[in-house]
Amino acid sequence: MATDAKAGNDAASGTERRAYWFYGDLVVVHVSGEETDGRFCLLEFLQPPGEWTPLHLHKRSDETHFVLEGEVTLHHPGETVVVGLGESAYSPMNVPHTRHVTSAEPARTLVLTSPAGFDEFVAAAGEPATKPALPPAHGPAPDTERLAAVAAEHDLEMLGPPGRLP
């Protein structure tokens, strides 16, 4: 069990910055489940304007979104929430949701999931980022079949393509 407190930036705390290109995004794992004994993980997403996540649900974790830059719109069954700079929204486990970057510029958000596990999904489904930026726009389209298969291994369920509402 981890009992040592950690503070400061990645270099000062001794943790390695883990960055992935995941579904057209840059995702940085700031705090992994391994570091919290599985209690939670904290990830930072950089997403391009107009991006939609596939409609999905988390079978064993709650998800909180906090916007650092830009704007995202979260869609839950019967509810749409626009989340801007300094605002947050909550997506409970087993509730279908999708998120859409509705700002003209990229959105940068912190995503906290509890318990952890989403960090492991991102690492398994993504690829190590070669630079701290969005992946090249000319790269191949995300493989949604592979994404769904890896998601199922991590207690996530893909329910529909990007743009499908719950």
N, C-alpha and C. Protein backbone atom coordinates (compact mmCIF):
# COMPACT_ATOMS: atom_id res chain seq x y z
N MET A 1 0.85 -1.19 0.00
CA MET A 1 0.00 0.00 0.00
C MET A 1 0.88 1.24 0.00
N ALA A 2 0.53 2.21 -0.85
CA ALA A 2 1.30 3.45 -0.92
C ALA A 2 0.97 4.33 0.29
N THR A 3 2.00 4.72 1.01
CA THR A 3 1.76 5.58 2.18
C THR A 3 2.52 6.88 2.10
N ASP A 4 3.42 7.02 1.13
CA ASP A 4 4.19 8.24 0.99
C ASP A 4 3.40 9.28 0.19
N ALA A 5 3.34 10.49 0.72
CA ALA A 5 2.68 11.58 0.00
C ALA A 5 3.58 12.04 -1.12
N LYS A 6 2.97 12.45 -2.24
CA LYS A 6 3.73 12.99 -3.37
C LYS A 6 3.16 14.36 -3.70
N ALA A 7 4.04 15.30 -4.00
CA ALA A 7 3.59 16.65 -4.33
C ALA A 7 4.49 17.22 -5.40
N GLY A 8 3.99 18.25 -6.06
CA GLY A 8 4.81 18.96 -7.03
C GLY A 8 4.64 18.43 -8.44
N ASN A 9 5.51 18.91 -9.34
CA ASN A 9 5.42 18.48 -10.72
C ASN A 9 6.01 17.09 -10.87
N ASP A 10 5.89 16.52 -12.07
CA ASP A 10 6.34 15.16 -12.30
C ASP A 10 7.82 14.98 -11.98
N ALA A 11 8.65 15.94 -12.39
CA ALA A 11 10.09 15.82 -12.14
C ALA A 11 10.39 15.87 -10.64
N ALA A 12 9.75 16.77 -9.93
CA ALA A 12 10.01 16.92 -8.50
C ALA A 12 9.49 15.73 -7.70
N SER A 13 8.38 15.13 -8.15
CA SER A 13 7.80 14.04 -7.37
C SER A 13 8.45 12.70 -7.70
N GLY A 14 9.28 12.67 -8.74
CA GLY A 14 9.94 11.42 -9.08
C GLY A 14 9.09 10.51 -9.96
N THR A 15 7.93 10.95 -10.37
CA THR A 15 7.10 10.12 -11.25
C THR A 15 7.43 10.45 -12.70
N GLU A 16 7.22 9.48 -13.55
CA GLU A 16 7.49 9.66 -14.97
C GLU A 16 6.22 10.15 -15.66
N ARG A 17 6.37 11.14 -16.51
CA ARG A 17 5.23 11.66 -17.28
C ARG A 17 4.88 10.61 -18.33
N ARG A 18 3.65 10.12 -18.32
CA ARG A 18 3.20 9.12 -19.26
C ARG A 18 2.21 9.75 -20.21
N ALA A 19 2.60 9.90 -21.45
CA ALA A 19 1.75 10.55 -22.45
C ALA A 19 1.44 9.56 -23.56
N TYR A 20 0.17 9.57 -24.00
CA TYR A 20 -0.29 8.65 -25.03
C TYR A 20 -1.07 9.40 -26.09
N TRP A 21 -0.98 8.92 -27.31
CA TRP A 21 -1.90 9.32 -28.36
C TRP A 21 -3.00 8.28 -28.33
N PHE A 22 -4.20 8.76 -28.04
CA PHE A 22 -5.33 7.88 -27.78
C PHE A 22 -6.55 8.44 -28.51
N TYR A 23 -7.04 7.72 -29.49
CA TYR A 23 -8.25 8.08 -30.21
C TYR A 23 -8.19 9.52 -30.75
N GLY A 24 -7.06 9.93 -31.27
CA GLY A 24 -6.90 11.27 -31.84
C GLY A 24 -6.59 12.35 -30.82
N ASP A 25 -6.41 11.95 -29.56
CA ASP A 25 -6.14 12.89 -28.47
C ASP A 25 -4.73 12.70 -27.94
N LEU A 26 -4.27 13.67 -27.17
CA LEU A 26 -3.10 13.51 -26.34
C LEU A 26 -3.61 13.31 -24.92
N VAL A 27 -3.19 12.25 -24.27
CA VAL A 27 -3.62 11.97 -22.90
C VAL A 27 -2.37 11.80 -22.04
N VAL A 28 -2.31 12.56 -20.96
CA VAL A 28 -1.20 12.46 -20.01
C VAL A 28 -1.75 11.88 -18.71
N VAL A 29 -1.13 10.82 -18.25
CA VAL A 29 -1.50 10.23 -16.95
C VAL A 29 -0.69 10.96 -15.89
N HIS A 30 -1.37 11.78 -15.12
CA HIS A 30 -0.70 12.52 -14.04
C HIS A 30 -0.60 11.69 -12.77
N VAL A 31 -1.68 10.96 -12.45
CA VAL A 31 -1.68 10.09 -11.27
C VAL A 31 -2.31 8.77 -11.71
N SER A 32 -1.57 7.70 -11.58
CA SER A 32 -2.07 6.39 -12.01
C SER A 32 -2.73 5.66 -10.85
N GLY A 33 -3.50 4.65 -11.22
CA GLY A 33 -4.10 3.79 -10.21
C GLY A 33 -3.05 3.07 -9.38
N GLU A 34 -1.92 2.76 -9.99
CA GLU A 34 -0.85 2.11 -9.26
C GLU A 34 -0.35 3.01 -8.12
N GLU A 35 -0.37 4.31 -8.33
CA GLU A 35 0.10 5.26 -7.32
C GLU A 35 -0.92 5.52 -6.22
N THR A 36 -2.17 5.10 -6.43
CA THR A 36 -3.23 5.37 -5.44
C THR A 36 -3.86 4.08 -4.92
N ASP A 37 -3.16 2.98 -5.10
CA ASP A 37 -3.71 1.68 -4.72
C ASP A 37 -5.07 1.43 -5.36
N GLY A 38 -5.22 1.93 -6.59
CA GLY A 38 -6.45 1.69 -7.34
C GLY A 38 -7.62 2.58 -6.99
N ARG A 39 -7.44 3.52 -6.08
CA ARG A 39 -8.56 4.36 -5.65
C ARG A 39 -9.05 5.30 -6.74
N PHE A 40 -8.11 5.92 -7.49
CA PHE A 40 -8.48 6.84 -8.56
C PHE A 40 -7.30 7.02 -9.49
N CYS A 41 -7.57 7.62 -10.63
CA CYS A 41 -6.50 8.06 -11.53
C CYS A 41 -6.90 9.43 -12.07
N LEU A 42 -5.89 10.22 -12.42
CA LEU A 42 -6.10 11.57 -12.92
C LEU A 42 -5.37 11.71 -14.25
N LEU A 43 -6.15 12.00 -15.29
CA LEU A 43 -5.60 12.12 -16.64
C LEU A 43 -5.91 13.50 -17.20
N GLU A 44 -5.03 13.98 -18.05
CA GLU A 44 -5.24 15.24 -18.75
C GLU A 44 -5.44 14.93 -20.22
N PHE A 45 -6.52 15.43 -20.80
CA PHE A 45 -6.84 15.22 -22.21
C PHE A 45 -6.66 16.52 -22.98
N LEU A 46 -6.06 16.44 -24.14
CA LEU A 46 -6.05 17.52 -25.12
C LEU A 46 -6.78 16.95 -26.33
N GLN A 47 -7.91 17.58 -26.69
CA GLN A 47 -8.76 17.07 -27.77
C GLN A 47 -8.97 18.17 -28.81
N PRO A 48 -8.98 17.78 -30.08
CA PRO A 48 -9.15 18.78 -31.14
C PRO A 48 -10.59 19.30 -31.20
N PRO A 49 -10.78 20.49 -31.76
CA PRO A 49 -12.13 21.04 -31.92
C PRO A 49 -13.01 20.09 -32.74
N GLY A 50 -14.26 19.97 -32.32
CA GLY A 50 -15.23 19.16 -33.05
C GLY A 50 -15.22 17.69 -32.71
N GLU A 51 -14.24 17.21 -31.94
CA GLU A 51 -14.18 15.78 -31.66
C GLU A 51 -15.35 15.30 -30.80
N TRP A 52 -15.83 14.13 -31.13
CA TRP A 52 -16.83 13.41 -30.34
C TRP A 52 -16.18 12.13 -29.83
N THR A 53 -16.43 11.77 -28.59
CA THR A 53 -16.04 10.44 -28.14
C THR A 53 -17.16 9.48 -28.54
N PRO A 54 -16.84 8.20 -28.71
CA PRO A 54 -17.92 7.24 -28.95
C PRO A 54 -18.86 7.21 -27.74
N LEU A 55 -20.11 6.92 -27.98
CA LEU A 55 -21.06 6.72 -26.88
C LEU A 55 -20.59 5.50 -26.09
N HIS A 56 -20.45 5.65 -24.78
CA HIS A 56 -19.90 4.56 -23.97
C HIS A 56 -20.37 4.68 -22.53
N LEU A 57 -20.03 3.65 -21.74
CA LEU A 57 -20.25 3.73 -20.29
C LEU A 57 -19.11 3.01 -19.59
N HIS A 58 -18.89 3.42 -18.36
CA HIS A 58 -17.87 2.83 -17.50
C HIS A 58 -18.61 1.90 -16.54
N LYS A 59 -18.30 0.62 -16.59
CA LYS A 59 -19.03 -0.36 -15.78
C LYS A 59 -18.64 -0.36 -14.31
N ARG A 60 -17.44 0.18 -13.99
CA ARG A 60 -17.03 0.11 -12.58
C ARG A 60 -16.39 1.39 -12.06
N SER A 61 -16.56 2.50 -12.78
CA SER A 61 -15.95 3.74 -12.27
C SER A 61 -16.81 4.95 -12.60
N ASP A 62 -16.73 5.93 -11.72
CA ASP A 62 -17.33 7.24 -11.94
C ASP A 62 -16.28 8.11 -12.60
N GLU A 63 -16.73 9.14 -13.34
CA GLU A 63 -15.82 9.99 -14.08
C GLU A 63 -16.20 11.45 -13.85
N THR A 64 -15.22 12.26 -13.50
CA THR A 64 -15.42 13.70 -13.34
C THR A 64 -14.55 14.42 -14.34
N HIS A 65 -15.13 15.41 -15.04
CA HIS A 65 -14.45 16.18 -16.07
C HIS A 65 -14.29 17.62 -15.58
N PHE A 66 -13.08 18.17 -15.67
CA PHE A 66 -12.82 19.55 -15.28
C PHE A 66 -12.13 20.24 -16.46
N VAL A 67 -12.69 21.34 -16.93
CA VAL A 67 -12.18 22.01 -18.13
C VAL A 67 -11.11 23.05 -17.76
N LEU A 68 -9.93 22.88 -18.35
CA LEU A 68 -8.83 23.82 -18.18
C LEU A 68 -8.76 24.83 -19.31
N GLU A 69 -9.14 24.41 -20.52
CA GLU A 69 -9.16 25.28 -21.70
C GLU A 69 -10.24 24.77 -22.64
N GLY A 70 -10.88 25.70 -23.35
CA GLY A 70 -11.89 25.32 -24.32
C GLY A 70 -13.23 25.03 -23.67
N GLU A 71 -14.02 24.23 -24.38
CA GLU A 71 -15.37 23.90 -23.92
C GLU A 71 -15.73 22.51 -24.43
N VAL A 72 -16.36 21.72 -23.57
CA VAL A 72 -16.88 20.43 -23.97
C VAL A 72 -18.36 20.36 -23.59
N THR A 73 -19.08 19.60 -24.36
CA THR A 73 -20.49 19.35 -24.06
C THR A 73 -20.65 17.87 -23.77
N LEU A 74 -21.16 17.57 -22.59
CA LEU A 74 -21.40 16.18 -22.20
C LEU A 74 -22.87 15.86 -22.39
N HIS A 75 -23.11 14.69 -22.96
CA HIS A 75 -24.47 14.22 -23.19
C HIS A 75 -24.69 12.95 -22.36
N HIS A 76 -25.67 13.01 -21.47
CA HIS A 76 -26.13 11.87 -20.68
C HIS A 76 -27.58 11.62 -21.09
N PRO A 77 -28.17 10.48 -20.74
CA PRO A 77 -29.57 10.27 -21.09
C PRO A 77 -30.46 11.40 -20.53
N GLY A 78 -31.13 12.10 -21.42
CA GLY A 78 -32.05 13.16 -21.02
C GLY A 78 -31.40 14.43 -20.53
N GLU A 79 -30.06 14.57 -20.65
CA GLU A 79 -29.38 15.75 -20.13
C GLU A 79 -28.16 16.09 -20.98
N THR A 80 -28.03 17.36 -21.30
CA THR A 80 -26.86 17.87 -21.99
C THR A 80 -26.29 18.99 -21.14
N VAL A 81 -24.98 18.93 -20.90
CA VAL A 81 -24.32 19.90 -20.03
C VAL A 81 -23.14 20.50 -20.79
N VAL A 82 -23.13 21.83 -20.93
CA VAL A 82 -22.00 22.53 -21.53
C VAL A 82 -21.05 22.89 -20.40
N VAL A 83 -19.78 22.51 -20.55
CA VAL A 83 -18.80 22.69 -19.50
C VAL A 83 -17.67 23.57 -20.05
N GLY A 84 -17.51 24.75 -19.45
CA GLY A 84 -16.50 25.70 -19.90
C GLY A 84 -15.37 25.83 -18.91
N LEU A 85 -14.51 26.77 -19.18
CA LEU A 85 -13.31 27.03 -18.38
C LEU A 85 -13.63 27.07 -16.88
N GLY A 86 -12.93 26.25 -16.11
CA GLY A 86 -13.09 26.23 -14.66
C GLY A 86 -14.32 25.52 -14.17
N GLU A 87 -15.06 24.87 -15.06
CA GLU A 87 -16.28 24.16 -14.66
C GLU A 87 -16.05 22.66 -14.73
N SER A 88 -16.93 21.92 -14.05
CA SER A 88 -16.81 20.47 -14.04
C SER A 88 -18.17 19.81 -14.23
N ALA A 89 -18.12 18.55 -14.59
CA ALA A 89 -19.33 17.74 -14.75
C ALA A 89 -18.99 16.32 -14.34
N TYR A 90 -20.02 15.58 -13.98
CA TYR A 90 -19.87 14.24 -13.42
C TYR A 90 -20.62 13.24 -14.28
N SER A 91 -19.99 12.12 -14.58
CA SER A 91 -20.62 11.02 -15.31
C SER A 91 -20.54 9.78 -14.43
N PRO A 92 -21.67 9.37 -13.82
CA PRO A 92 -21.64 8.20 -12.93
C PRO A 92 -21.44 6.90 -13.69
N MET A 93 -20.95 5.90 -12.98
CA MET A 93 -20.77 4.59 -13.59
C MET A 93 -22.11 4.06 -14.10
N ASN A 94 -22.03 3.27 -15.16
CA ASN A 94 -23.17 2.62 -15.79
C ASN A 94 -24.16 3.58 -16.43
N VAL A 95 -23.77 4.83 -16.63
CA VAL A 95 -24.62 5.81 -17.32
C VAL A 95 -23.98 6.11 -18.68
N PRO A 96 -24.69 5.81 -19.76
CA PRO A 96 -24.13 6.11 -21.09
C PRO A 96 -23.86 7.60 -21.24
N HIS A 97 -22.72 7.90 -21.87
CA HIS A 97 -22.39 9.31 -22.11
C HIS A 97 -21.44 9.44 -23.30
N THR A 98 -21.40 10.64 -23.82
CA THR A 98 -20.46 11.01 -24.87
C THR A 98 -20.07 12.44 -24.61
N ARG A 99 -18.95 12.83 -25.16
CA ARG A 99 -18.50 14.21 -24.96
C ARG A 99 -18.04 14.77 -26.29
N HIS A 100 -18.35 16.04 -26.50
CA HIS A 100 -18.11 16.71 -27.76
C HIS A 100 -17.34 18.00 -27.48
N VAL A 101 -16.24 18.21 -28.17
CA VAL A 101 -15.49 19.47 -28.03
C VAL A 101 -16.23 20.51 -28.85
N THR A 102 -16.84 21.47 -28.16
CA THR A 102 -17.68 22.47 -28.82
C THR A 102 -17.02 23.83 -28.91
N SER A 103 -15.77 23.94 -28.52
CA SER A 103 -15.05 25.20 -28.68
C SER A 103 -14.33 25.19 -30.02
N ALA A 104 -14.00 26.39 -30.50
CA ALA A 104 -13.27 26.53 -31.77
C ALA A 104 -11.81 26.12 -31.63
N GLU A 105 -11.32 26.11 -30.41
CA GLU A 105 -9.95 25.71 -30.14
C GLU A 105 -9.96 24.34 -29.44
N PRO A 106 -8.81 23.69 -29.36
CA PRO A 106 -8.77 22.41 -28.64
C PRO A 106 -9.24 22.58 -27.20
N ALA A 107 -9.78 21.50 -26.65
CA ALA A 107 -10.18 21.48 -25.24
C ALA A 107 -9.11 20.73 -24.46
N ARG A 108 -8.80 21.27 -23.29
CA ARG A 108 -7.87 20.61 -22.37
C ARG A 108 -8.62 20.39 -21.08
N THR A 109 -8.74 19.13 -20.67
CA THR A 109 -9.52 18.79 -19.50
C THR A 109 -8.74 17.84 -18.60
N LEU A 110 -9.08 17.90 -17.32
CA LEU A 110 -8.64 16.87 -16.38
C LEU A 110 -9.80 15.91 -16.21
N VAL A 111 -9.49 14.62 -16.23
CA VAL A 111 -10.51 13.59 -16.05
C VAL A 111 -10.07 12.72 -14.89
N LEU A 112 -10.90 12.66 -13.86
CA LEU A 112 -10.64 11.84 -12.69
C LEU A 112 -11.62 10.68 -12.71
N THR A 113 -11.11 9.45 -12.65
CA THR A 113 -12.00 8.30 -12.54
C THR A 113 -11.72 7.59 -11.23
N SER A 114 -12.81 7.12 -10.63
CA SER A 114 -12.71 6.45 -9.34
C SER A 114 -13.68 5.28 -9.31
N PRO A 115 -13.18 4.07 -9.05
CA PRO A 115 -11.79 3.73 -8.85
C PRO A 115 -11.00 3.84 -10.15
N ALA A 116 -9.69 3.65 -10.03
CA ALA A 116 -8.79 3.74 -11.18
C ALA A 116 -9.05 2.59 -12.15
N GLY A 117 -8.38 2.66 -13.27
CA GLY A 117 -8.49 1.63 -14.30
C GLY A 117 -8.55 2.25 -15.68
N PHE A 118 -9.12 3.45 -15.76
CA PHE A 118 -9.20 4.14 -17.05
C PHE A 118 -7.79 4.45 -17.57
N ASP A 119 -6.86 4.71 -16.67
CA ASP A 119 -5.47 4.95 -17.06
C ASP A 119 -4.88 3.72 -17.76
N GLU A 120 -5.21 2.54 -17.28
CA GLU A 120 -4.73 1.32 -17.90
C GLU A 120 -5.36 1.10 -19.27
N PHE A 121 -6.62 1.47 -19.41
CA PHE A 121 -7.29 1.38 -20.71
C PHE A 121 -6.61 2.29 -21.72
N VAL A 122 -6.34 3.53 -21.34
CA VAL A 122 -5.69 4.48 -22.24
C VAL A 122 -4.32 3.94 -22.67
N ALA A 123 -3.56 3.40 -21.73
CA ALA A 123 -2.24 2.86 -22.05
C ALA A 123 -2.35 1.66 -22.99
N ALA A 124 -3.35 0.82 -22.79
CA ALA A 124 -3.51 -0.37 -23.63
C ALA A 124 -4.04 -0.03 -25.02
N ALA A 125 -4.94 0.93 -25.11
CA ALA A 125 -5.57 1.27 -26.38
C ALA A 125 -4.79 2.32 -27.16
N GLY A 126 -3.98 3.10 -26.46
CA GLY A 126 -3.22 4.17 -27.12
C GLY A 126 -1.82 3.74 -27.49
N GLU A 127 -1.04 4.70 -27.88
CA GLU A 127 0.38 4.47 -28.17
C GLU A 127 1.17 5.59 -27.53
N PRO A 128 2.38 5.30 -27.08
CA PRO A 128 3.18 6.37 -26.46
C PRO A 128 3.33 7.57 -27.41
N ALA A 129 3.07 8.74 -26.88
CA ALA A 129 3.19 9.97 -27.68
C ALA A 129 4.66 10.29 -27.88
N THR A 130 5.01 10.69 -29.09
CA THR A 130 6.41 11.03 -29.37
C THR A 130 6.71 12.50 -29.07
N LYS A 131 5.65 13.28 -28.85
CA LYS A 131 5.81 14.68 -28.46
C LYS A 131 4.55 15.11 -27.71
N PRO A 132 4.64 16.14 -26.88
CA PRO A 132 3.49 16.56 -26.07
C PRO A 132 2.52 17.44 -26.88
N ALA A 133 1.91 16.85 -27.88
CA ALA A 133 0.98 17.56 -28.76
C ALA A 133 -0.03 16.56 -29.29
N LEU A 134 -1.09 17.07 -29.92
CA LEU A 134 -2.04 16.18 -30.56
C LEU A 134 -1.32 15.31 -31.59
N PRO A 135 -1.81 14.11 -31.83
CA PRO A 135 -1.18 13.28 -32.86
C PRO A 135 -1.32 13.93 -34.23
N PRO A 136 -0.46 13.56 -35.16
CA PRO A 136 -0.56 14.14 -36.50
C PRO A 136 -1.96 13.93 -37.11
N ALA A 137 -2.48 14.99 -37.70
CA ALA A 137 -3.83 14.93 -38.27
C ALA A 137 -3.91 13.98 -39.46
N HIS A 138 -2.81 13.73 -40.12
CA HIS A 138 -2.80 12.89 -41.31
C HIS A 138 -2.66 11.41 -40.97
N GLY A 139 -2.66 11.06 -39.70
CA GLY A 139 -2.51 9.67 -39.30
C GLY A 139 -3.75 8.86 -39.62
N PRO A 140 -3.68 7.55 -39.41
CA PRO A 140 -4.83 6.70 -39.70
C PRO A 140 -5.99 7.00 -38.76
N ALA A 141 -7.20 6.74 -39.24
CA ALA A 141 -8.40 6.91 -38.41
C ALA A 141 -8.34 5.91 -37.25
N PRO A 142 -8.88 6.28 -36.09
CA PRO A 142 -8.89 5.34 -34.97
C PRO A 142 -9.61 4.04 -35.34
N ASP A 143 -9.07 2.93 -34.89
CA ASP A 143 -9.65 1.61 -35.13
C ASP A 143 -10.71 1.37 -34.05
N THR A 144 -11.97 1.65 -34.38
CA THR A 144 -13.04 1.57 -33.38
C THR A 144 -13.33 0.13 -32.94
N GLU A 145 -13.09 -0.84 -33.81
CA GLU A 145 -13.28 -2.24 -33.40
C GLU A 145 -12.25 -2.64 -32.35
N ARG A 146 -11.00 -2.25 -32.57
CA ARG A 146 -9.96 -2.54 -31.58
C ARG A 146 -10.25 -1.79 -30.28
N LEU A 147 -10.67 -0.53 -30.41
CA LEU A 147 -11.00 0.27 -29.22
C LEU A 147 -12.08 -0.42 -28.40
N ALA A 148 -13.12 -0.93 -29.06
CA ALA A 148 -14.21 -1.62 -28.35
C ALA A 148 -13.72 -2.89 -27.67
N ALA A 149 -12.84 -3.64 -28.34
CA ALA A 149 -12.32 -4.87 -27.75
C ALA A 149 -11.47 -4.58 -26.52
N VAL A 150 -10.59 -3.59 -26.62
CA VAL A 150 -9.75 -3.23 -25.47
C VAL A 150 -10.62 -2.64 -24.35
N ALA A 151 -11.63 -1.86 -24.72
CA ALA A 151 -12.54 -1.30 -23.71
C ALA A 151 -13.21 -2.40 -22.91
N ALA A 152 -13.68 -3.43 -23.59
CA ALA A 152 -14.37 -4.54 -22.90
C ALA A 152 -13.44 -5.21 -21.88
N GLU A 153 -12.15 -5.28 -22.20
CA GLU A 153 -11.18 -5.86 -21.26
C GLU A 153 -10.97 -4.99 -20.02
N HIS A 154 -11.40 -3.71 -20.09
CA HIS A 154 -11.19 -2.77 -18.99
C HIS A 154 -12.51 -2.26 -18.41
N ASP A 155 -13.56 -3.07 -18.52
CA ASP A 155 -14.87 -2.75 -17.93
C ASP A 155 -15.50 -1.47 -18.45
N LEU A 156 -15.27 -1.21 -19.75
CA LEU A 156 -15.96 -0.12 -20.45
C LEU A 156 -16.75 -0.77 -21.58
N GLU A 157 -17.85 -0.16 -21.95
CA GLU A 157 -18.66 -0.68 -23.04
C GLU A 157 -18.91 0.42 -24.06
N MET A 158 -18.54 0.16 -25.28
CA MET A 158 -18.81 1.08 -26.39
C MET A 158 -20.24 0.81 -26.87
N LEU A 159 -21.05 1.86 -26.91
CA LEU A 159 -22.47 1.70 -27.24
C LEU A 159 -22.84 2.28 -28.60
N GLY A 160 -21.96 3.05 -29.19
CA GLY A 160 -22.28 3.64 -30.47
C GLY A 160 -21.13 4.48 -30.98
N PRO A 161 -21.23 4.88 -32.24
CA PRO A 161 -20.15 5.65 -32.85
C PRO A 161 -20.12 7.09 -32.33
N PRO A 162 -19.04 7.80 -32.62
CA PRO A 162 -18.98 9.21 -32.25
C PRO A 162 -20.17 9.96 -32.82
N GLY A 163 -20.77 10.81 -32.02
CA GLY A 163 -21.92 11.61 -32.44
C GLY A 163 -23.25 10.99 -32.06
N ARG A 164 -23.29 9.71 -31.71
CA ARG A 164 -24.55 9.10 -31.28
C ARG A 164 -24.83 9.54 -29.85
N LEU A 165 -26.06 10.00 -29.62
CA LEU A 165 -26.44 10.48 -28.29
C LEU A 165 -27.11 9.36 -27.49
N PRO A 166 -26.98 9.44 -26.17
CA PRO A 166 -27.61 8.41 -25.31
C PRO A 166 -29.12 8.52 -25.31
